C-alpha atoms as a PDB file:
ATOM      1  CA  MET A   1     -18.133   5.103 -10.966  1.00  0.00           C
ATOM      2  CA  SER A   2     -19.687   5.233  -7.562  1.00  0.00           C
ATOM      3  CA  GLY A   3     -17.836   8.144  -5.591  1.00  0.00           C
ATOM      4  CA  THR A   4     -14.382   6.622  -4.594  1.00  0.00           C
ATOM      5  CA  LEU A   5     -14.909   2.991  -5.531  1.00  0.00           C
ATOM      6  CA  PRO A   6     -14.876   1.670  -9.265  1.00  0.00           C
ATOM      7  CA  GLU A   7     -18.246   0.736 -10.906  1.00  0.00           C
ATOM      8  CA  GLY A   8     -19.501  -2.711  -9.383  1.00  0.00           C
ATOM      9  CA  GLY A   9     -18.088  -1.809  -5.972  1.00  0.00           C
ATOM     10  CA  TRP A  10     -20.266  -1.760  -2.971  1.00  0.00           C
ATOM     11  CA  HIS A  11     -19.489   0.650  -0.245  1.00  0.00           C
ATOM     12  CA  TRP A  12     -21.193  -1.210   2.460  1.00  0.00           C
ATOM     13  CA  LEU A  13     -19.203  -4.378   1.565  1.00  0.00           C
ATOM     14  CA  HIS A  14     -16.039  -2.506   1.215  1.00  0.00           C
ATOM     15  CA  PHE A  15     -16.679  -1.190   4.996  1.00  0.00           C
ATOM     16  CA  ILE A  16     -17.090  -4.652   6.242  1.00  0.00           C
ATOM     17  CA  GLY A  17     -13.866  -5.642   4.435  1.00  0.00           C
ATOM     18  CA  ARG A  18     -12.130  -2.985   6.530  1.00  0.00           C
ATOM     19  CA  LEU A  19     -13.443  -4.199   9.748  1.00  0.00           C
ATOM     20  CA  ILE A  20     -12.451  -7.814   8.752  1.00  0.00           C
ATOM     21  CA  SER A  21      -8.991  -6.502   8.043  1.00  0.00           C
ATOM     22  CA  ARG A  22      -8.691  -4.290  11.218  1.00  0.00           C
ATOM     23  CA  PHE A  23     -10.100  -6.736  13.716  1.00  0.00           C
ATOM     24  CA  ILE A  24      -9.668 -10.418  12.262  1.00  0.00           C
ATOM     25  CA  VAL A  25      -6.759 -10.444   9.781  1.00  0.00           C
ATOM     26  CA  ARG A  26      -4.378  -8.795  12.184  1.00  0.00           C
ATOM     27  CA  LEU A  27      -5.512 -11.016  15.050  1.00  0.00           C
ATOM     28  CA  PRO A  28      -2.504 -13.614  14.639  1.00  0.00           C
ATOM     29  CA  PHE A  29       0.057 -10.768  14.859  1.00  0.00           C
ATOM     30  CA  ARG A  30       1.153  -8.046  16.839  1.00  0.00           C
ATOM     31  CA  VAL A  31       0.833  -4.974  14.632  1.00  0.00           C
ATOM     32  CA  LYS A  32       2.236  -1.556  15.747  1.00  0.00           C
ATOM     33  CA  VAL A  33       1.259   1.406  13.593  1.00  0.00           C
ATOM     34  CA  HIS A  34       3.440   4.601  13.431  1.00  0.00           C
ATOM     35  CA  GLY A  35       2.632   7.877  12.030  1.00  0.00           C
ATOM     36  CA  LYS A  36      -1.042   7.310  11.351  1.00  0.00           C
ATOM     37  CA  ASP A  37      -1.692  10.973  12.050  1.00  0.00           C
ATOM     38  CA  ARG A  38       0.092  11.813   8.814  1.00  0.00           C
ATOM     39  CA  ILE A  39      -2.757  10.277   6.602  1.00  0.00           C
ATOM     40  CA  PRO A  40      -4.816  13.049   5.034  1.00  0.00           C
ATOM     41  CA  ARG A  41      -8.341  12.732   5.703  1.00  0.00           C
ATOM     42  CA  THR A  42      -9.568  14.309   2.431  1.00  0.00           C
ATOM     43  CA  GLY A  43      -8.299  14.703  -1.022  1.00  0.00           C
ATOM     44  CA  PRO A  44      -6.799  12.718  -3.726  1.00  0.00           C
ATOM     45  CA  LEU A  45      -3.943  10.196  -2.512  1.00  0.00           C
ATOM     46  CA  VAL A  46      -1.632   7.841  -3.860  1.00  0.00           C
ATOM     47  CA  LEU A  47      -0.524   5.284  -1.308  1.00  0.00           C
ATOM     48  CA  VAL A  48       2.657   3.513  -1.968  1.00  0.00           C
ATOM     49  CA  ALA A  49       4.237   0.740  -0.125  1.00  0.00           C
ATOM     50  CA  ASN A  50       7.123  -1.673  -0.293  1.00  0.00           C
ATOM     51  CA  HIS A  51       5.812  -5.197  -0.743  1.00  0.00           C
ATOM     52  CA  SER A  52       7.017  -8.510   0.678  1.00  0.00           C
ATOM     53  CA  ALA A  53       3.932 -10.591   1.530  1.00  0.00           C
ATOM     54  CA  MET A  54       0.480 -11.179   0.380  1.00  0.00           C
ATOM     55  CA  LEU A  55      -0.604  -9.985   3.612  1.00  0.00           C
ATOM     56  CA  ASP A  56       0.381  -6.124   3.131  1.00  0.00           C
ATOM     57  CA  GLY A  57      -2.635  -5.237   1.146  1.00  0.00           C
ATOM     58  CA  PRO A  58      -5.319  -6.617   3.496  1.00  0.00           C
ATOM     59  CA  LEU A  59      -3.404  -5.136   6.482  1.00  0.00           C
ATOM     60  CA  LEU A  60      -3.046  -1.758   4.990  1.00  0.00           C
ATOM     61  CA  ILE A  61      -6.712  -1.447   3.864  1.00  0.00           C
ATOM     62  CA  GLY A  62      -7.872  -1.860   7.405  1.00  0.00           C
ATOM     63  CA  MET A  63      -5.379   0.678   8.840  1.00  0.00           C
ATOM     64  CA  LEU A  64      -6.509   3.452   6.687  1.00  0.00           C
ATOM     65  CA  PRO A  65      -9.340   5.784   7.914  1.00  0.00           C
ATOM     66  CA  ARG A  66     -10.714   6.232   4.353  1.00  0.00           C
ATOM     67  CA  ALA A  67     -11.973   3.722   1.680  1.00  0.00           C
ATOM     68  CA  SER A  68      -9.021   2.789  -0.531  1.00  0.00           C
ATOM     69  CA  VAL A  69      -8.691   0.919  -3.720  1.00  0.00           C
ATOM     70  CA  PHE A  70      -5.403  -1.174  -4.392  1.00  0.00           C
ATOM     71  CA  LEU A  71      -4.022  -2.096  -7.841  1.00  0.00           C
ATOM     72  CA  ILE A  72      -3.708  -6.063  -7.591  1.00  0.00           C
ATOM     73  CA  LYS A  73      -2.434  -8.714  -9.987  1.00  0.00           C
ATOM     74  CA  GLN A  74      -5.551 -10.087 -12.183  1.00  0.00           C
ATOM     75  CA  GLU A  75      -4.510 -13.518 -11.141  1.00  0.00           C
ATOM     76  CA  MET A  76      -6.126 -13.023  -7.762  1.00  0.00           C
ATOM     77  CA  PHE A  77      -9.364 -12.248  -9.300  1.00  0.00           C
ATOM     78  CA  ARG A  78     -10.621 -15.822  -9.608  1.00  0.00           C
ATOM     79  CA  GLY A  79     -13.556 -17.600  -7.930  1.00  0.00           C
ATOM     80  CA  PRO A  80     -15.204 -16.316  -4.604  1.00  0.00           C
ATOM     81  CA  LEU A  81     -12.183 -14.296  -3.744  1.00  0.00           C
ATOM     82  CA  GLY A  82     -12.139 -12.607  -7.252  1.00  0.00           C
ATOM     83  CA  TRP A  83     -15.978 -11.764  -6.684  1.00  0.00           C
ATOM     84  CA  PHE A  84     -15.185 -10.372  -3.217  1.00  0.00           C
ATOM     85  CA  LEU A  85     -12.320  -8.248  -4.396  1.00  0.00           C
ATOM     86  CA  ARG A  86     -14.441  -6.796  -7.170  1.00  0.00           C
ATOM     87  CA  ARG A  87     -17.448  -5.997  -5.053  1.00  0.00           C
ATOM     88  CA  ILE A  88     -15.075  -4.241  -2.254  1.00  0.00           C
ATOM     89  CA  GLY A  89     -13.710  -2.108  -5.136  1.00  0.00           C
ATOM     90  CA  GLN A  90     -10.276  -3.355  -5.818  1.00  0.00           C
ATOM     91  CA  ILE A  91      -8.798  -3.267  -9.434  1.00  0.00           C
ATOM     92  CA  GLY A  92      -7.158  -6.073 -11.335  1.00  0.00           C
ATOM     93  CA  VAL A  93      -4.093  -5.452 -13.264  1.00  0.00           C
ATOM     94  CA  ARG A  94      -2.619  -7.627 -15.941  1.00  0.00           C
ATOM     95  CA  ARG A  95       1.204  -7.908 -15.308  1.00  0.00           C
ATOM     96  CA  GLY A  96       3.466  -7.923 -18.480  1.00  0.00           C
ATOM     97  CA  GLU A  97       0.807  -6.605 -20.713  1.00  0.00           C
ATOM     98  CA  PRO A  98      -0.106  -3.393 -22.063  1.00  0.00           C
ATOM     99  CA  ASP A  99      -3.400  -2.475 -20.208  1.00  0.00           C
ATOM    100  CA  ARG A 100      -4.010   1.260 -19.370  1.00  0.00           C
ATOM    101  CA  GLN A 101      -7.717   0.732 -18.568  1.00  0.00           C
ATOM    102  CA  PRO A 102      -6.947  -0.180 -14.737  1.00  0.00           C
ATOM    103  CA  LEU A 103      -4.655   2.881 -14.508  1.00  0.00           C
ATOM    104  CA  LEU A 104      -7.455   5.278 -16.231  1.00  0.00           C
ATOM    105  CA  THR A 105     -10.058   3.699 -13.729  1.00  0.00           C
ATOM    106  CA  ALA A 106      -7.608   4.717 -10.923  1.00  0.00           C
ATOM    107  CA  VAL A 107      -7.213   8.417 -12.335  1.00  0.00           C
ATOM    108  CA  ARG A 108     -10.875   8.645 -12.287  1.00  0.00           C
ATOM    109  CA  LEU A 109     -11.158   7.787  -8.763  1.00  0.00           C
ATOM    110  CA  LEU A 110      -8.302  10.030  -7.687  1.00  0.00           C
ATOM    111  CA  LYS A 111      -9.900  12.845  -9.278  1.00  0.00           C
ATOM    112  CA  ASN A 112     -13.021  12.114  -7.189  1.00  0.00           C
ATOM    113  CA  GLY A 113     -10.920  12.472  -4.278  1.00  0.00           C
ATOM    114  CA  GLY A 114     -10.122   8.741  -3.490  1.00  0.00           C
ATOM    115  CA  VAL A 115      -7.294   6.928  -2.297  1.00  0.00           C
ATOM    116  CA  VAL A 116      -5.499   4.454  -4.714  1.00  0.00           C
ATOM    117  CA  GLY A 117      -2.815   1.878  -3.202  1.00  0.00           C
ATOM    118  CA  VAL A 118       0.198   0.893  -5.485  1.00  0.00           C
ATOM    119  CA  PHE A 119       3.022  -1.530  -4.685  1.00  0.00           C
ATOM    120  CA  PRO A 120       5.577   0.209  -6.782  1.00  0.00           C
ATOM    121  CA  GLU A 121       7.863  -2.943  -7.416  1.00  0.00           C
ATOM    122  CA  GLY A 122       4.945  -4.456  -9.337  1.00  0.00           C
ATOM    123  CA  THR A 123       5.168  -7.782  -7.765  1.00  0.00           C
ATOM    124  CA  ARG A 124       5.849  -9.137  -4.251  1.00  0.00           C
ATOM    125  CA  GLY A 125       9.520  -9.474  -3.661  1.00  0.00           C
ATOM    126  CA  SER A 126      12.128  -8.605  -0.981  1.00  0.00           C
ATOM    127  CA  GLY A 127      10.337  -5.512   0.032  1.00  0.00           C
ATOM    128  CA  GLU A 128      13.591  -3.575  -0.539  1.00  0.00           C
ATOM    129  CA  LEU A 129      12.446  -1.706  -3.650  1.00  0.00           C
ATOM    130  CA  ASP A 130      14.862  -3.345  -6.059  1.00  0.00           C
ATOM    131  CA  ASN A 131      12.590  -2.669  -9.085  1.00  0.00           C
ATOM    132  CA  VAL A 132      10.445   0.540  -8.803  1.00  0.00           C
ATOM    133  CA  GLN A 133       8.074   1.080 -11.728  1.00  0.00           C
ATOM    134  CA  ASN A 134       6.598   4.190 -12.994  1.00  0.00           C
ATOM    135  CA  GLY A 135       2.733   3.519 -12.113  1.00  0.00           C
ATOM    136  CA  ALA A 136       2.507   5.536  -8.801  1.00  0.00           C
ATOM    137  CA  ALA A 137       4.189   8.595 -10.076  1.00  0.00           C
ATOM    138  CA  TRP A 138       2.069   8.361 -13.249  1.00  0.00           C
ATOM    139  CA  LEU A 139      -0.989   8.269 -11.315  1.00  0.00           C
ATOM    140  CA  ALA A 140      -0.034  11.213  -9.078  1.00  0.00           C
ATOM    141  CA  ARG A 141       1.027  13.332 -11.830  1.00  0.00           C
ATOM    142  CA  THR A 142      -1.905  12.567 -14.045  1.00  0.00           C
ATOM    143  CA  SER A 143      -4.496  13.299 -11.293  1.00  0.00           C
ATOM    144  CA  GLY A 144      -2.992  15.831  -9.143  1.00  0.00           C
ATOM    145  CA  ALA A 145      -2.951  13.614  -6.125  1.00  0.00           C
ATOM    146  CA  ARG A 146      -0.328  13.569  -3.377  1.00  0.00           C
ATOM    147  CA  VAL A 147       1.512  10.537  -2.655  1.00  0.00           C
ATOM    148  CA  LEU A 148       1.790   8.879   0.797  1.00  0.00           C
ATOM    149  CA  PRO A 149       4.832   6.596   1.406  1.00  0.00           C
ATOM    150  CA  VAL A 150       4.244   3.653   3.687  1.00  0.00           C
ATOM    151  CA  ALA A 151       6.924   1.173   4.966  1.00  0.00           C
ATOM    152  CA  VAL A 152       6.023  -2.306   6.125  1.00  0.00           C
ATOM    153  CA  ARG A 153       8.315  -4.661   8.093  1.00  0.00           C
ATOM    154  CA  GLY A 154       7.520  -7.972   9.587  1.00  0.00           C
ATOM    155  CA  SER A 155       4.565  -9.272   7.163  1.00  0.00           C
ATOM    156  CA  ARG A 156       7.079 -11.728   5.282  1.00  0.00           C
ATOM    157  CA  ARG A 157       6.959 -15.178   6.443  1.00  0.00           C
ATOM    158  CA  PRO A 158      10.368 -16.130   8.232  1.00  0.00           C
ATOM    159  CA  ASP A 159      12.775 -17.890   5.816  1.00  0.00           C
ATOM    160  CA  ASP A 160      12.504 -21.075   7.723  1.00  0.00           C
ATOM    161  CA  GLY A 161       8.979 -21.413   6.642  1.00  0.00           C
ATOM    162  CA  SER A 162       7.326 -21.281  10.304  1.00  0.00           C
ATOM    163  CA  ARG A 163       4.100 -19.807  10.854  1.00  0.00           C
ATOM    164  CA  ARG A 164       4.804 -18.143  14.127  1.00  0.00           C
ATOM    165  CA  LEU A 165       1.697 -16.651  15.996  1.00  0.00           C
ATOM    166  CA  LEU A 166       1.881 -13.028  17.248  1.00  0.00           C
ATOM    167  CA  ARG A 167       4.576 -12.022  14.918  1.00  0.00           C
ATOM    168  CA  ARG A 168       5.508  -8.560  15.123  1.00  0.00           C
ATOM    169  CA  ILE A 169       4.503  -6.343  12.151  1.00  0.00           C
ATOM    170  CA  ASP A 170       5.599  -2.502  12.112  1.00  0.00           C
ATOM    171  CA  VAL A 171       3.793  -0.112   9.700  1.00  0.00           C
ATOM    172  CA  LEU A 172       5.184   3.279   9.149  1.00  0.00           C
ATOM    173  CA  PHE A 173       3.286   6.085   7.419  1.00  0.00           C
ATOM    174  CA  GLY A 174       5.349   8.985   5.878  1.00  0.00           C
ATOM    175  CA  GLU A 175       4.496  12.627   5.271  1.00  0.00           C
ATOM    176  CA  PRO A 176       2.729  12.990   1.986  1.00  0.00           C
ATOM    177  CA  ILE A 177       4.646  14.478  -0.942  1.00  0.00           C
ATOM    178  CA  THR A 178       3.957  16.097  -4.155  1.00  0.00           C
ATOM    179  CA  PRO A 179       6.343  14.499  -7.011  1.00  0.00           C
ATOM    180  CA  PRO A 180       7.976  16.712  -9.504  1.00  0.00           C
ATOM    181  CA  SER A 181       5.880  17.771 -12.367  1.00  0.00           C
ATOM    182  CA  GLY A 182       8.494  17.934 -15.107  1.00  0.00           C
ATOM    183  CA  LYS A 183       7.154  17.022 -18.572  1.00  0.00           C
ATOM    184  CA  GLY A 184       7.876  13.956 -20.736  1.00  0.00           C
ATOM    185  CA  ARG A 185       9.676  10.643 -20.068  1.00  0.00           C
ATOM    186  CA  ALA A 186      12.246  12.655 -18.251  1.00  0.00           C
ATOM    187  CA  GLY A 187       9.933  14.119 -15.734  1.00  0.00           C
ATOM    188  CA  LEU A 188       8.163  10.860 -15.184  1.00  0.00           C
ATOM    189  CA  THR A 189      11.634   9.245 -14.384  1.00  0.00           C
ATOM    190  CA  GLU A 190      12.367  12.190 -12.119  1.00  0.00           C
ATOM    191  CA  ALA A 191       9.146  11.912 -10.338  1.00  0.00           C
ATOM    192  CA  THR A 192       9.360   7.885  -9.937  1.00  0.00           C
ATOM    193  CA  GLU A 193      12.852   8.471  -8.537  1.00  0.00           C
ATOM    194  CA  THR A 194      11.503  10.817  -6.048  1.00  0.00           C
ATOM    195  CA  VAL A 195       8.870   8.436  -4.773  1.00  0.00           C
ATOM    196  CA  ARG A 196      11.569   5.730  -4.695  1.00  0.00           C
ATOM    197  CA  ASN A 197      13.883   7.628  -2.571  1.00  0.00           C
ATOM    198  CA  GLU A 198      11.299   8.744  -0.251  1.00  0.00           C
ATOM    199  CA  LEU A 199       9.980   5.296   0.440  1.00  0.00           C
ATOM    200  CA  VAL A 200      13.728   3.944   0.657  1.00  0.00           C
ATOM    201  CA  GLU A 201      14.178   6.691   3.431  1.00  0.00           C
ATOM    202  CA  LEU A 202      11.002   5.711   5.060  1.00  0.00           C
ATOM    203  CA  ILE A 203      12.087   2.078   5.190  1.00  0.00           C
ATOM    204  CA  ALA A 204      15.388   3.063   6.714  1.00  0.00           C
ATOM    205  CA  GLU A 205      13.671   5.131   9.345  1.00  0.00           C
ATOM    206  CA  LEU A 206      11.346   2.069  10.276  1.00  0.00           C
ATOM    207  CA  ASP A 207      14.162  -0.217  10.534  1.00  0.00           C
ATOM    208  CA  GLY A 208      15.801   1.970  13.052  1.00  0.00           C
ATOM    209  CA  LEU A 209      12.628   2.132  15.160  1.00  0.00           C
ATOM    210  CA  VAL A 210      12.391  -1.667  15.096  1.00  0.00           C
ATOM    211  CA  ALA A 211      16.047  -2.104  15.929  1.00  0.00           C
ATOM    212  CA  ASP A 212      15.693   0.343  18.724  1.00  0.00           C
ATOM    213  CA  ARG A 213      12.664  -1.550  20.141  1.00  0.00           C
ATOM    214  CA  ASN A 214      14.604  -4.944  19.785  1.00  0.00           C
ATOM    215  CA  GLN A 215      17.423  -3.561  21.719  1.00  0.00           C
ATOM    216  CA  ASP A 216      14.934  -2.044  24.438  1.00  0.00           C
ATOM    217  CA  ASP A 217      13.428  -5.638  24.636  1.00  0.00           C
ATOM    218  CA  VAL A 218      16.781  -7.384  24.974  1.00  0.00           C
ATOM    219  CA  ARG A 219      17.681  -5.016  28.055  1.00  0.00           C
ATOM    220  CA  GLY A 220      14.405  -5.745  29.491  1.00  0.00           C
ATOM    221  CA  ASN A 221      15.002  -9.333  29.504  1.00  0.00           C
ATOM    222  CA  GLU A 222      18.503  -9.008  31.126  1.00  0.00           C
ATOM    223  CA  ALA A 223      17.296  -6.902  33.936  1.00  0.00           C
END
Protein backbone atom coordinates (compact mmCIF):
# COMPACT_ATOMS: atom_id res chain seq x y z
CA MET A 1 0.00 0.00 0.00
CA SER A 2 1.40 3.39 -0.98
CA GLY A 3 -0.49 6.10 0.86
CA THR A 4 -3.92 6.64 -0.66
CA LEU A 5 -3.42 4.33 -3.68
CA PRO A 6 -3.32 0.51 -3.68
CA GLU A 7 -0.06 -1.36 -4.04
CA GLY A 8 1.13 -1.03 -7.64
CA GLY A 9 -0.49 2.37 -8.13
CA TRP A 10 1.77 5.18 -9.34
CA HIS A 11 0.97 8.56 -7.85
CA TRP A 12 2.60 10.48 -10.69
CA LEU A 13 0.54 8.60 -13.30
CA HIS A 14 -2.61 9.04 -11.24
CA PHE A 15 -1.96 12.79 -11.29
CA ILE A 16 -1.56 12.70 -15.08
CA GLY A 17 -4.78 10.70 -15.35
CA ARG A 18 -6.60 13.39 -13.38
CA LEU A 19 -5.25 16.06 -15.71
CA ILE A 20 -6.39 14.05 -18.75
CA SER A 21 -9.84 13.79 -17.22
CA ARG A 22 -10.03 17.45 -16.27
CA PHE A 23 -8.81 18.95 -19.54
CA ILE A 24 -9.30 16.34 -22.28
CA VAL A 25 -12.09 13.88 -21.37
CA ARG A 26 -14.53 16.72 -20.73
CA LEU A 27 -13.62 18.68 -23.90
CA PRO A 28 -16.55 17.37 -26.00
CA PHE A 29 -19.03 18.38 -23.27
CA ARG A 30 -20.27 21.43 -21.43
CA VAL A 31 -19.70 20.38 -17.83
CA LYS A 32 -21.17 22.37 -14.94
CA VAL A 33 -20.04 21.45 -11.43
CA HIS A 34 -22.20 22.48 -8.46
CA GLY A 35 -21.20 22.31 -4.78
CA LYS A 36 -17.52 21.56 -5.28
CA ASP A 37 -16.74 23.49 -2.09
CA ARG A 38 -18.50 20.71 -0.15
CA ILE A 39 -15.74 18.19 -0.89
CA PRO A 40 -13.62 17.64 2.26
CA ARG A 41 -9.93 18.23 1.51
CA THR A 42 -8.75 15.74 4.13
CA GLY A 43 -9.98 12.61 5.87
CA PRO A 44 -11.40 9.28 4.66
CA LEU A 45 -14.25 9.64 2.22
CA VAL A 46 -16.55 7.22 0.41
CA LEU A 47 -17.90 8.93 -2.70
CA VAL A 48 -21.23 7.52 -3.93
CA ALA A 49 -22.77 8.53 -7.25
CA ASN A 50 -25.60 7.46 -9.53
CA HIS A 51 -24.30 5.72 -12.62
CA SER A 52 -25.79 5.92 -16.10
CA ALA A 53 -22.73 6.03 -18.42
CA MET A 54 -19.16 4.77 -18.62
CA LEU A 55 -18.14 8.43 -18.70
CA ASP A 56 -19.17 9.02 -15.07
CA GLY A 57 -16.05 7.61 -13.40
CA PRO A 58 -13.44 9.30 -15.64
CA LEU A 59 -15.19 12.65 -15.27
CA LEU A 60 -15.44 12.46 -11.48
CA ILE A 61 -11.77 11.54 -11.04
CA GLY A 62 -10.81 14.80 -12.74
CA MET A 63 -13.24 16.92 -10.73
CA LEU A 64 -12.00 15.83 -7.32
CA PRO A 65 -9.24 17.92 -5.71
CA ARG A 66 -7.73 14.74 -4.22
CA ALA A 67 -6.47 11.39 -5.44
CA SER A 68 -9.35 8.93 -5.65
CA VAL A 69 -9.77 5.20 -6.19
CA PHE A 70 -12.92 3.78 -7.80
CA LEU A 71 -14.29 0.26 -7.61
CA ILE A 72 -14.61 -0.78 -11.28
CA LYS A 73 -15.94 -3.96 -12.85
CA GLN A 74 -13.14 -6.47 -13.44
CA GLU A 75 -14.01 -6.76 -17.15
CA MET A 76 -12.43 -3.32 -17.70
CA PHE A 77 -9.01 -4.59 -16.55
CA ARG A 78 -7.89 -6.06 -19.86
CA GLY A 79 -5.11 -5.08 -22.24
CA PRO A 80 -3.57 -1.59 -22.19
CA LEU A 81 -6.61 -0.08 -20.47
CA GLY A 82 -6.32 -2.60 -17.65
CA TRP A 83 -2.63 -1.78 -17.20
CA PHE A 84 -3.45 1.93 -17.06
CA LEU A 85 -6.29 1.46 -14.57
CA ARG A 86 -4.06 -0.55 -12.23
CA ARG A 87 -1.23 1.95 -12.45
CA ILE A 88 -3.50 4.89 -11.58
CA GLY A 89 -4.70 2.89 -8.58
CA GLN A 90 -8.20 1.75 -9.55
CA ILE A 91 -9.62 -1.46 -8.05
CA GLY A 92 -11.23 -4.28 -10.04
CA VAL A 93 -14.36 -5.96 -8.66
CA ARG A 94 -15.81 -9.28 -9.87
CA ARG A 95 -19.54 -8.84 -10.16
CA GLY A 96 -21.80 -11.65 -9.01
CA GLU A 97 -18.98 -13.45 -7.19
CA PRO A 98 -18.00 -13.47 -3.50
CA ASP A 99 -14.81 -11.40 -3.51
CA ARG A 100 -13.94 -9.49 -0.33
CA GLN A 101 -10.37 -8.60 -1.29
CA PRO A 102 -11.30 -5.41 -3.23
CA LEU A 103 -13.40 -4.20 -0.30
CA LEU A 104 -10.63 -4.95 2.21
CA THR A 105 -8.17 -3.06 0.01
CA ALA A 106 -10.60 -0.14 -0.10
CA VAL A 107 -10.93 -0.19 3.71
CA ARG A 108 -7.16 0.02 4.10
CA LEU A 109 -7.06 3.00 1.76
CA LEU A 110 -9.81 4.73 3.71
CA LYS A 111 -8.04 4.12 7.01
CA ASN A 112 -5.03 5.86 5.44
CA GLY A 113 -7.24 8.89 4.80
CA GLY A 114 -8.03 8.13 1.15
CA VAL A 115 -11.02 8.60 -1.14
CA VAL A 116 -12.86 5.58 -2.55
CA GLY A 117 -15.57 5.99 -5.19
CA VAL A 118 -18.52 3.60 -5.44
CA PHE A 119 -21.47 3.44 -7.79
CA PRO A 120 -23.94 1.85 -5.35
CA GLU A 121 -26.18 0.37 -8.05
CA GLY A 122 -23.26 -1.95 -8.84
CA THR A 123 -23.75 -1.69 -12.60
CA ARG A 124 -24.37 1.02 -15.14
CA GLY A 125 -28.12 1.56 -15.41
CA SER A 126 -30.73 4.27 -15.54
CA GLY A 127 -29.00 6.45 -12.98
CA GLU A 128 -32.17 6.40 -10.85
CA LEU A 129 -30.87 4.12 -8.03
CA ASP A 130 -33.24 1.26 -8.76
CA ASN A 131 -31.03 -1.35 -7.08
CA VAL A 132 -28.70 0.05 -4.44
CA GLN A 133 -26.24 -2.41 -2.90
CA ASN A 134 -24.59 -2.41 0.53
CA GLY A 135 -20.94 -1.83 -0.42
CA ALA A 136 -20.72 1.94 0.12
CA ALA A 137 -22.39 1.82 3.54
CA TRP A 138 -20.28 -1.16 4.59
CA LEU A 139 -17.07 0.64 3.61
CA ALA A 140 -18.04 3.78 5.51
CA ARG A 141 -19.09 1.89 8.66
CA THR A 142 -16.03 -0.38 8.64
CA SER A 143 -13.47 2.38 8.06
CA GLY A 144 -15.11 5.27 9.91
CA ALA A 145 -15.24 7.33 6.69
CA ARG A 146 -17.88 9.88 5.81
CA VAL A 147 -20.01 9.48 2.69
CA LEU A 148 -20.05 12.13 -0.03
CA PRO A 149 -23.12 11.82 -2.31
CA VAL A 150 -22.75 12.98 -5.92
CA ALA A 151 -25.48 13.36 -8.54
CA VAL A 152 -24.69 13.25 -12.27
CA ARG A 153 -27.03 14.16 -15.11
CA GLY A 154 -26.42 14.35 -18.88
CA SER A 155 -23.61 11.81 -19.20
CA ARG A 156 -25.85 9.15 -20.71
CA ARG A 157 -25.91 9.12 -24.50
CA PRO A 158 -29.26 10.28 -25.92
CA ASP A 159 -31.78 7.49 -26.55
CA ASP A 160 -31.58 8.12 -30.30
CA GLY A 161 -27.91 7.02 -30.21
CA SER A 162 -26.57 10.34 -31.45
CA ARG A 163 -23.17 11.63 -30.32
CA ARG A 164 -23.91 15.33 -29.98
CA LEU A 165 -20.88 17.47 -29.24
CA LEU A 166 -21.00 19.93 -26.34
CA ARG A 167 -23.72 17.92 -24.61
CA ARG A 168 -24.49 19.39 -21.21
CA ILE A 169 -23.43 17.42 -18.15
CA ASP A 170 -24.26 18.58 -14.64
CA VAL A 171 -22.61 17.30 -11.47
CA LEU A 172 -23.81 18.19 -7.97
CA PHE A 173 -21.77 17.37 -4.86
CA GLY A 174 -23.81 17.02 -1.68
CA GLU A 175 -22.90 17.53 1.96
CA PRO A 176 -20.83 14.72 3.53
CA ILE A 177 -22.82 12.48 5.89
CA THR A 178 -22.07 9.87 8.52
CA PRO A 179 -24.33 6.80 8.08
CA PRO A 180 -26.02 5.26 11.14
CA SER A 181 -23.76 2.87 13.05
CA GLY A 182 -26.30 0.26 14.18
CA LYS A 183 -24.95 -3.28 14.53
CA GLY A 184 -25.52 -6.33 12.39
CA ARG A 185 -27.46 -6.82 9.19
CA ALA A 186 -30.23 -4.47 10.32
CA GLY A 187 -27.71 -1.70 10.97
CA LEU A 188 -26.14 -2.18 7.55
CA THR A 189 -29.55 -2.10 5.88
CA GLU A 190 -30.41 1.13 7.71
CA ALA A 191 -27.10 2.71 6.69
CA THR A 192 -27.60 1.65 3.06
CA GLU A 193 -31.08 3.15 3.02
CA THR A 194 -29.72 6.39 4.50
CA VAL A 195 -27.11 6.61 1.75
CA ARG A 196 -29.74 5.85 -0.89
CA ASN A 197 -32.14 8.50 0.42
CA GLU A 198 -29.43 11.15 0.50
CA LEU A 199 -28.50 10.37 -3.08
CA VAL A 200 -32.12 10.30 -4.27
CA GLU A 201 -32.72 13.73 -2.71
CA LEU A 202 -29.54 15.07 -4.29
CA ILE A 203 -30.57 13.79 -7.72
CA ALA A 204 -33.95 15.52 -7.30
CA GLU A 205 -32.16 18.74 -6.33
CA LEU A 206 -29.95 18.54 -9.41
CA ASP A 207 -32.96 17.84 -11.63
CA GLY A 208 -34.52 21.02 -10.26
CA LEU A 209 -31.39 23.04 -11.04
CA VAL A 210 -31.26 21.66 -14.57
CA ALA A 211 -34.98 22.35 -15.13
CA ASP A 212 -34.61 25.96 -13.93
CA ARG A 213 -31.64 26.49 -16.23
CA ASN A 214 -33.50 25.04 -19.19
CA GLN A 215 -36.43 27.37 -18.53
CA ASP A 216 -34.04 30.32 -18.38
CA ASP A 217 -32.58 29.23 -21.73
CA VAL A 218 -36.05 29.09 -23.28
CA ARG A 219 -36.88 32.55 -21.99
CA GLY A 220 -33.60 33.86 -23.32
CA ASN A 221 -34.28 32.41 -26.77
CA GLU A 222 -37.76 33.93 -26.81
CA ALA A 223 -36.55 37.38 -25.76
